[in-house]
């Protein structure tokens, strides 16, 4: 698989709850950073476990995947039955056909309200 296909497979396997298949995509020295919550996940087993143990009620819709060589960016939408709608911008490094590093920006849609001073300059999505 090329790097963009690997990232698409990541999201497909998460959606399918195919945790063994997800693990196959991850390098042994995987490091994933979540800057919004200030967390770093070291190792593929921890990354798989965090995703597998996330409370059910979610789905994944891939909005776009853009690749430049071994660097891949994805944007996905993750609605959750009780936790609301999340958007994720992920920046992945693919090495030797595996995800070696990632930086994911998870945010809940509407959790960062538009300041009043911009009211006349913007439109709601």
C-alpha atoms as a PDB file:
ATOM      1  CA  UNK A   1       0.000   0.000   0.000  1.00  0.00           C
ATOM      2  CA  UNK A   2       1.144   3.532  -0.643  1.00  0.00           C
ATOM      3  CA  UNK A   3       1.213   5.983   2.321  1.00  0.00           C
ATOM      4  CA  UNK A   4      -2.255   7.445   1.645  1.00  0.00           C
ATOM      5  CA  UNK A   5      -3.753   3.938   1.421  1.00  0.00           C
ATOM      6  CA  UNK A   6      -2.167   3.066   4.771  1.00  0.00           C
ATOM      7  CA  UNK A   7      -3.833   6.064   6.423  1.00  0.00           C
ATOM      8  CA  UNK A   8      -7.176   5.237   4.808  1.00  0.00           C
ATOM      9  CA  UNK A   9      -6.768   1.653   6.070  1.00  0.00           C
ATOM     10  CA  UNK A  10      -6.139   3.024   9.586  1.00  0.00           C
ATOM     11  CA  UNK A  11      -9.520   4.751   9.622  1.00  0.00           C
ATOM     12  CA  UNK A  12     -11.320   1.838   7.947  1.00  0.00           C
ATOM     13  CA  UNK A  13      -9.952  -0.635  10.481  1.00  0.00           C
ATOM     14  CA  UNK A  14     -10.908   1.638  13.362  1.00  0.00           C
ATOM     15  CA  UNK A  15     -14.434   1.973  11.962  1.00  0.00           C
ATOM     16  CA  UNK A  16     -14.631  -1.826  11.645  1.00  0.00           C
ATOM     17  CA  UNK A  17     -13.204  -2.303  15.173  1.00  0.00           C
ATOM     18  CA  UNK A  18     -10.536  -4.462  13.541  1.00  0.00           C
ATOM     19  CA  UNK A  19      -7.961  -3.978  16.284  1.00  0.00           C
ATOM     20  CA  UNK A  20      -5.624  -6.734  15.085  1.00  0.00           C
ATOM     21  CA  UNK A  21      -5.729  -5.240  11.583  1.00  0.00           C
ATOM     22  CA  UNK A  22      -5.031  -1.779  12.985  1.00  0.00           C
ATOM     23  CA  UNK A  23      -2.008  -3.122  14.863  1.00  0.00           C
ATOM     24  CA  UNK A  24      -0.575  -4.491  11.597  1.00  0.00           C
ATOM     25  CA  UNK A  25      -0.312  -0.928  10.248  1.00  0.00           C
ATOM     26  CA  UNK A  26       1.741   0.403  13.173  1.00  0.00           C
ATOM     27  CA  UNK A  27       5.526   0.480  13.571  1.00  0.00           C
ATOM     28  CA  UNK A  28       7.030  -0.980  16.744  1.00  0.00           C
ATOM     29  CA  UNK A  29       8.393   2.457  17.714  1.00  0.00           C
ATOM     30  CA  UNK A  30       5.147   4.351  16.993  1.00  0.00           C
ATOM     31  CA  UNK A  31       4.677   7.655  18.810  1.00  0.00           C
ATOM     32  CA  UNK A  32       1.392   9.568  18.506  1.00  0.00           C
ATOM     33  CA  UNK A  33       0.931  13.008  20.023  1.00  0.00           C
ATOM     34  CA  UNK A  34      -2.374  14.630  20.950  1.00  0.00           C
ATOM     35  CA  UNK A  35      -1.430  18.320  21.489  1.00  0.00           C
ATOM     36  CA  UNK A  36      -4.968  19.467  22.359  1.00  0.00           C
ATOM     37  CA  UNK A  37      -5.085  17.232  25.456  1.00  0.00           C
ATOM     38  CA  UNK A  38      -1.310  17.333  26.033  1.00  0.00           C
ATOM     39  CA  UNK A  39      -0.769  13.576  25.691  1.00  0.00           C
ATOM     40  CA  UNK A  40       1.772  11.324  24.013  1.00  0.00           C
ATOM     41  CA  UNK A  41       1.073   7.671  23.217  1.00  0.00           C
ATOM     42  CA  UNK A  42       4.212   5.551  22.977  1.00  0.00           C
ATOM     43  CA  UNK A  43       3.966   2.157  21.322  1.00  0.00           C
ATOM     44  CA  UNK A  44       1.463   0.478  19.022  1.00  0.00           C
ATOM     45  CA  UNK A  45      -0.224  -1.593  21.735  1.00  0.00           C
ATOM     46  CA  UNK A  46      -1.148   1.515  23.717  1.00  0.00           C
ATOM     47  CA  UNK A  47      -2.472   3.279  20.628  1.00  0.00           C
ATOM     48  CA  UNK A  48      -4.655   0.294  19.732  1.00  0.00           C
ATOM     49  CA  UNK A  49      -5.860  -0.109  23.320  1.00  0.00           C
ATOM     50  CA  UNK A  50      -6.815   3.568  23.697  1.00  0.00           C
ATOM     51  CA  UNK A  51      -8.908   3.368  20.545  1.00  0.00           C
ATOM     52  CA  UNK A  52     -10.407  -0.033  21.386  1.00  0.00           C
ATOM     53  CA  UNK A  53     -11.441   1.114  24.867  1.00  0.00           C
ATOM     54  CA  UNK A  54     -13.022   4.389  23.754  1.00  0.00           C
ATOM     55  CA  UNK A  55     -16.714   4.359  24.734  1.00  0.00           C
ATOM     56  CA  UNK A  56     -18.902   2.945  21.969  1.00  0.00           C
ATOM     57  CA  UNK A  57     -21.414   5.000  20.018  1.00  0.00           C
ATOM     58  CA  UNK A  58     -19.036   6.472  17.443  1.00  0.00           C
ATOM     59  CA  UNK A  59     -18.443   6.199  13.737  1.00  0.00           C
ATOM     60  CA  UNK A  60     -15.813   7.573  11.379  1.00  0.00           C
ATOM     61  CA  UNK A  61     -16.221   9.439   8.123  1.00  0.00           C
ATOM     62  CA  UNK A  62     -13.051  10.255   6.190  1.00  0.00           C
ATOM     63  CA  UNK A  63     -13.341  13.731   4.694  1.00  0.00           C
ATOM     64  CA  UNK A  64      -9.949  13.855   2.956  1.00  0.00           C
ATOM     65  CA  UNK A  65      -6.505  12.292   2.767  1.00  0.00           C
ATOM     66  CA  UNK A  66      -3.607  14.229   1.253  1.00  0.00           C
ATOM     67  CA  UNK A  67      -0.143  12.750   0.822  1.00  0.00           C
ATOM     68  CA  UNK A  68       3.255  14.176  -0.001  1.00  0.00           C
ATOM     69  CA  UNK A  69       5.636  11.262  -0.142  1.00  0.00           C
ATOM     70  CA  UNK A  70       5.738   9.595   3.281  1.00  0.00           C
ATOM     71  CA  UNK A  71       3.861  12.478   4.944  1.00  0.00           C
ATOM     72  CA  UNK A  72       0.082  12.066   5.008  1.00  0.00           C
ATOM     73  CA  UNK A  73      -2.610  14.384   6.356  1.00  0.00           C
ATOM     74  CA  UNK A  74      -6.135  13.189   7.030  1.00  0.00           C
ATOM     75  CA  UNK A  75      -9.279  14.967   8.149  1.00  0.00           C
ATOM     76  CA  UNK A  76     -12.053  12.857   9.613  1.00  0.00           C
ATOM     77  CA  UNK A  77     -15.391  13.451  11.263  1.00  0.00           C
ATOM     78  CA  UNK A  78     -16.299  11.355  14.292  1.00  0.00           C
ATOM     79  CA  UNK A  79     -19.897  11.669  15.478  1.00  0.00           C
ATOM     80  CA  UNK A  80     -20.637  10.086  18.840  1.00  0.00           C
ATOM     81  CA  UNK A  81     -24.130   9.303  20.099  1.00  0.00           C
ATOM     82  CA  UNK A  82     -23.598  10.992  23.481  1.00  0.00           C
ATOM     83  CA  UNK A  83     -20.341  12.981  23.185  1.00  0.00           C
ATOM     84  CA  UNK A  84     -21.168  15.043  20.125  1.00  0.00           C
ATOM     85  CA  UNK A  85     -19.414  15.632  16.829  1.00  0.00           C
ATOM     86  CA  UNK A  86     -15.617  15.644  16.696  1.00  0.00           C
ATOM     87  CA  UNK A  87     -13.240  16.571  13.903  1.00  0.00           C
ATOM     88  CA  UNK A  88      -9.721  15.231  13.680  1.00  0.00           C
ATOM     89  CA  UNK A  89      -6.795  16.562  11.672  1.00  0.00           C
ATOM     90  CA  UNK A  90      -4.018  13.970  11.695  1.00  0.00           C
ATOM     91  CA  UNK A  91      -0.469  14.271  10.422  1.00  0.00           C
ATOM     92  CA  UNK A  92       1.204  10.910   9.812  1.00  0.00           C
ATOM     93  CA  UNK A  93       4.706   9.766   8.929  1.00  0.00           C
ATOM     94  CA  UNK A  94       4.843   6.465   7.057  1.00  0.00           C
ATOM     95  CA  UNK A  95       8.088   4.510   7.180  1.00  0.00           C
ATOM     96  CA  UNK A  96       8.657   1.159   5.467  1.00  0.00           C
ATOM     97  CA  UNK A  97       4.927   0.699   4.896  1.00  0.00           C
ATOM     98  CA  UNK A  98       3.953   1.362   8.532  1.00  0.00           C
ATOM     99  CA  UNK A  99       2.718   4.338  10.513  1.00  0.00           C
ATOM    100  CA  UNK A 100       5.741   5.479  12.488  1.00  0.00           C
ATOM    101  CA  UNK A 101       4.572   8.787  13.948  1.00  0.00           C
ATOM    102  CA  UNK A 102       1.412  10.813  14.216  1.00  0.00           C
ATOM    103  CA  UNK A 103       0.130  14.085  15.547  1.00  0.00           C
ATOM    104  CA  UNK A 104      -3.647  14.260  15.920  1.00  0.00           C
ATOM    105  CA  UNK A 105      -5.707  17.342  16.695  1.00  0.00           C
ATOM    106  CA  UNK A 106      -9.051  16.220  18.105  1.00  0.00           C
ATOM    107  CA  UNK A 107     -11.679  18.869  18.729  1.00  0.00           C
ATOM    108  CA  UNK A 108     -15.379  18.909  19.412  1.00  0.00           C
ATOM    109  CA  UNK A 109     -17.294  20.941  16.863  1.00  0.00           C
ATOM    110  CA  UNK A 110     -18.556  24.116  18.544  1.00  0.00           C
ATOM    111  CA  UNK A 111     -16.347  23.764  21.631  1.00  0.00           C
ATOM    112  CA  UNK A 112     -14.336  26.858  20.694  1.00  0.00           C
ATOM    113  CA  UNK A 113     -16.995  29.538  20.291  1.00  0.00           C
ATOM    114  CA  UNK A 114     -16.455  32.395  17.883  1.00  0.00           C
ATOM    115  CA  UNK A 115     -15.570  35.598  19.748  1.00  0.00           C
ATOM    116  CA  UNK A 116     -18.025  38.464  19.548  1.00  0.00           C
ATOM    117  CA  UNK A 117     -15.532  40.804  17.843  1.00  0.00           C
ATOM    118  CA  UNK A 118     -15.568  38.579  14.719  1.00  0.00           C
ATOM    119  CA  UNK A 119     -19.379  38.478  14.457  1.00  0.00           C
ATOM    120  CA  UNK A 120     -19.575  40.823  11.453  1.00  0.00           C
ATOM    121  CA  UNK A 121     -16.718  39.101   9.632  1.00  0.00           C
ATOM    122  CA  UNK A 122     -17.693  35.424   9.694  1.00  0.00           C
ATOM    123  CA  UNK A 123     -20.581  33.128   8.857  1.00  0.00           C
ATOM    124  CA  UNK A 124     -21.529  30.026  10.830  1.00  0.00           C
ATOM    125  CA  UNK A 125     -20.681  26.672   9.229  1.00  0.00           C
END
